[in-house]
Amino acid sequence: MTTGHVFIAMSLDGYIARKDDSLDWLTPYHAPDEDHGFDAFMASVDGLVMGSGTFRTVLGFGGDWPYAKPVTVLSRSLTQDDIPDALRTRVTLSREAPAALMDRLASEGWQRVYVDGGQVIRSFLREGLIADMEITLVPVLIGRGRKLFGEMDLAADIRLDQLRVRRFASGLVLTRYAVSSPPSSKDA
């Protein structure tokens, strides 16, 4: 079975980006001597699924495309023309629902998928497709922006089991959670 995995940073007040998708608030916490585990995480996945907002943000970084692994962008608005020519062999677009996409990726041999972007993460969580999440809490309040979690219209609570907490000298705190099964009606 193909599983979804999250690795993301969030401000203390729950935002993953500013309203304009800027990540400038993360820069003061960049500590090149701290290994937050991203490279090991990337080595553990077969590819990425992200939303169009995340895709546009990564394109806006300039420079080389940061991902060597295949990327699927979930979008109803982007077209093939929105993908730069240099990325067309590495980035594909999909309009599939999360479960259908995961089934297709499984048929292509993917086992572990890096799921990125607030709306995409929430949609995968709603469908029970996320196995675990590594969330780095950044000690800053940015006041407004794009929430990692917000209203999700859940059929049942999603329970998380804390697996590990790691504190860094920069002030970042990484917490790894396993996503438990939603409670059964007997638990209610």
Protein backbone atom coordinates (compact mmCIF):
# COMPACT_ATOMS: atom_id res chain seq x y z
CA MET A 1 0.00 0.00 0.00
CA THR A 2 1.28 3.46 -0.89
CA THR A 3 1.43 5.81 2.09
CA GLY A 4 1.62 9.59 2.42
CA HIS A 5 4.21 11.33 4.60
CA VAL A 6 4.47 14.98 5.63
CA PHE A 7 7.59 17.03 6.43
CA ILE A 8 6.77 20.70 6.95
CA ALA A 9 7.56 23.79 9.02
CA MET A 10 4.87 25.81 10.78
CA SER A 11 4.93 29.06 12.74
CA LEU A 12 3.86 28.88 16.38
CA ASP A 13 0.50 30.34 15.36
CA GLY A 14 -0.07 27.59 12.79
CA TYR A 15 0.95 29.15 9.46
CA ILE A 16 3.06 27.53 6.76
CA ALA A 17 3.34 30.64 4.57
CA ARG A 18 2.28 34.25 4.44
CA LYS A 19 -0.82 35.21 2.43
CA ASP A 20 1.46 35.94 -0.55
CA ASP A 21 3.06 32.47 -0.09
CA SER A 22 6.29 34.06 1.20
CA LEU A 23 8.47 31.99 3.50
CA ASP A 24 10.70 34.90 4.56
CA TRP A 25 9.85 34.31 8.21
CA LEU A 26 11.82 31.03 8.06
CA THR A 27 15.12 32.67 7.01
CA PRO A 28 16.25 33.82 10.48
CA TYR A 29 15.99 30.21 11.68
CA HIS A 30 18.13 28.72 8.92
CA ALA A 31 21.10 27.11 10.66
CA PRO A 32 23.37 25.34 8.17
CA ASP A 33 25.01 23.36 10.97
CA GLU A 34 21.68 21.82 12.08
CA ASP A 35 20.49 18.64 10.40
CA HIS A 36 16.71 18.68 10.65
CA GLY A 37 16.42 15.37 8.79
CA PHE A 38 15.12 16.64 5.46
CA ASP A 39 17.74 14.84 3.35
CA ALA A 40 17.06 11.54 5.11
CA PHE A 41 13.32 12.12 4.71
CA MET A 42 13.72 12.80 0.97
CA ALA A 43 15.81 9.64 0.60
CA SER A 44 12.90 7.66 2.11
CA VAL A 45 10.25 8.72 -0.43
CA ASP A 46 9.65 7.80 -4.06
CA GLY A 47 8.36 11.22 -5.09
CA LEU A 48 6.27 14.23 -4.13
CA VAL A 49 2.66 15.33 -4.42
CA MET A 50 2.06 19.04 -3.94
CA GLY A 51 -0.58 21.63 -4.65
CA SER A 52 -0.35 24.39 -7.21
CA GLY A 53 0.40 27.05 -4.59
CA THR A 54 3.38 25.09 -3.30
CA PHE A 55 4.52 24.46 -6.88
CA ARG A 56 4.39 28.18 -7.69
CA THR A 57 6.25 29.00 -4.46
CA VAL A 58 9.05 26.53 -5.25
CA LEU A 59 9.30 27.89 -8.80
CA GLY A 60 9.61 31.37 -7.29
CA PHE A 61 12.75 30.38 -5.37
CA GLY A 62 14.67 30.64 -8.64
CA GLY A 63 17.79 28.65 -9.33
CA ASP A 64 17.78 24.92 -9.92
CA TRP A 65 14.69 22.82 -9.29
CA PRO A 66 15.30 21.40 -5.79
CA TYR A 67 13.81 17.93 -6.34
CA ALA A 68 15.54 15.07 -8.12
CA LYS A 69 12.53 12.81 -7.55
CA PRO A 70 9.31 12.97 -9.60
CA VAL A 71 6.72 15.57 -8.59
CA THR A 72 2.97 15.41 -9.17
CA VAL A 73 1.14 18.72 -8.85
CA LEU A 74 -2.54 18.49 -7.93
CA SER A 75 -4.31 21.38 -9.62
CA ARG A 76 -7.54 22.26 -11.32
CA SER A 77 -6.14 25.56 -12.63
CA LEU A 78 -2.67 24.79 -13.98
CA THR A 79 -2.09 23.53 -17.50
CA GLN A 80 0.89 21.87 -19.13
CA ASP A 81 1.93 25.33 -20.36
CA ASP A 82 2.47 26.40 -16.74
CA ILE A 83 5.26 23.86 -16.31
CA PRO A 84 8.63 25.19 -17.48
CA ASP A 85 10.07 23.20 -20.39
CA ALA A 86 13.06 22.10 -18.29
CA LEU A 87 10.72 20.41 -15.77
CA ARG A 88 8.29 18.63 -18.08
CA THR A 89 10.01 15.27 -17.66
CA ARG A 90 10.04 15.59 -13.86
CA VAL A 91 6.74 17.35 -13.05
CA THR A 92 3.29 16.07 -13.97
CA LEU A 93 -0.14 17.58 -13.39
CA SER A 94 -3.09 15.69 -11.98
CA ARG A 95 -6.72 16.48 -11.31
CA GLU A 96 -7.28 13.15 -9.55
CA ALA A 97 -8.81 12.85 -6.10
CA PRO A 98 -6.22 11.89 -3.47
CA ALA A 99 -7.22 8.20 -3.21
CA ALA A 100 -7.28 7.76 -6.99
CA LEU A 101 -3.90 9.43 -7.29
CA MET A 102 -2.41 7.19 -4.59
CA ASP A 103 -3.82 4.11 -6.34
CA ARG A 104 -2.22 5.21 -9.62
CA LEU A 105 1.11 5.95 -7.94
CA ALA A 106 0.98 2.51 -6.29
CA SER A 107 0.48 0.93 -9.74
CA GLU A 108 3.61 2.82 -10.86
CA GLY A 109 5.61 1.31 -7.98
CA TRP A 110 5.58 4.21 -5.51
CA GLN A 111 5.45 3.15 -1.88
CA ARG A 112 6.12 6.35 0.07
CA VAL A 113 4.86 9.76 -1.08
CA TYR A 114 5.96 13.14 0.29
CA VAL A 115 2.72 15.13 0.55
CA ASP A 116 3.27 18.90 0.64
CA GLY A 117 1.08 22.00 0.76
CA GLY A 118 -1.62 22.89 3.26
CA GLN A 119 -4.72 22.11 1.21
CA VAL A 120 -3.22 18.92 -0.19
CA ILE A 121 -2.13 17.71 3.26
CA ARG A 122 -5.63 18.39 4.64
CA SER A 123 -7.32 16.55 1.77
CA PHE A 124 -5.03 13.53 2.21
CA LEU A 125 -5.63 13.54 5.98
CA ARG A 126 -9.41 13.62 5.44
CA GLU A 127 -9.13 10.52 3.26
CA GLY A 128 -6.86 8.65 5.69
CA LEU A 129 -3.86 8.68 3.33
CA ILE A 130 -1.22 10.16 5.65
CA ALA A 131 0.80 7.67 7.72
CA ASP A 132 2.97 10.14 9.61
CA MET A 133 3.90 13.80 9.87
CA GLU A 134 7.11 15.54 10.85
CA ILE A 135 6.17 19.08 11.81
CA THR A 136 8.84 21.60 12.69
CA LEU A 137 7.50 24.30 14.97
CA VAL A 138 9.22 27.64 14.34
CA PRO A 139 9.25 30.04 17.33
CA VAL A 140 7.68 33.00 15.55
CA LEU A 141 4.18 34.46 15.33
CA ILE A 142 3.40 35.79 11.85
CA GLY A 143 -0.22 36.71 12.54
CA ARG A 144 -1.82 35.70 9.27
CA GLY A 145 -1.18 33.60 6.25
CA ARG A 146 -1.84 30.09 5.03
CA LYS A 147 -2.72 27.66 7.82
CA LEU A 148 -1.41 24.12 7.88
CA PHE A 149 -4.54 22.99 9.63
CA GLY A 150 -7.78 24.85 9.61
CA GLU A 151 -11.32 23.79 9.25
CA MET A 152 -11.20 20.34 7.71
CA ASP A 153 -14.81 19.13 7.88
CA LEU A 154 -13.81 15.80 9.38
CA ALA A 155 -16.15 12.84 9.77
CA ALA A 156 -14.26 11.93 12.97
CA ASP A 157 -11.31 13.23 14.96
CA ILE A 158 -7.90 12.26 13.60
CA ARG A 159 -5.78 10.94 16.43
CA LEU A 160 -2.03 11.42 16.42
CA ASP A 161 0.57 9.45 18.35
CA GLN A 162 3.68 11.42 19.22
CA LEU A 163 6.72 9.37 18.18
CA ARG A 164 9.59 11.76 18.76
CA VAL A 165 10.37 15.34 19.76
CA ARG A 166 13.67 16.97 18.90
CA ARG A 167 14.76 20.45 19.96
CA PHE A 168 17.43 22.38 18.04
CA ALA A 169 19.74 25.18 19.20
CA SER A 170 18.07 27.52 16.68
CA GLY A 171 14.83 27.19 18.68
CA LEU A 172 13.11 24.89 16.20
CA VAL A 173 11.22 21.91 17.60
CA LEU A 174 10.54 18.93 15.35
CA THR A 175 7.77 16.57 16.38
CA ARG A 176 7.05 13.35 14.55
CA TYR A 177 3.52 11.96 14.74
CA ALA A 178 2.00 8.74 13.52
CA VAL A 179 -1.51 9.24 12.24
CA SER A 180 -3.80 6.82 14.05
CA SER A 181 -6.98 5.42 12.66
CA PRO A 182 -10.05 7.54 13.23
CA PRO A 183 -12.02 6.37 16.26
CA SER A 184 -14.69 3.80 15.64
CA SER A 185 -18.29 4.47 16.60
CA LYS A 186 -17.60 2.42 19.76
CA ASP A 187 -15.08 5.10 20.86
CA ALA A 188 -17.55 7.95 20.55
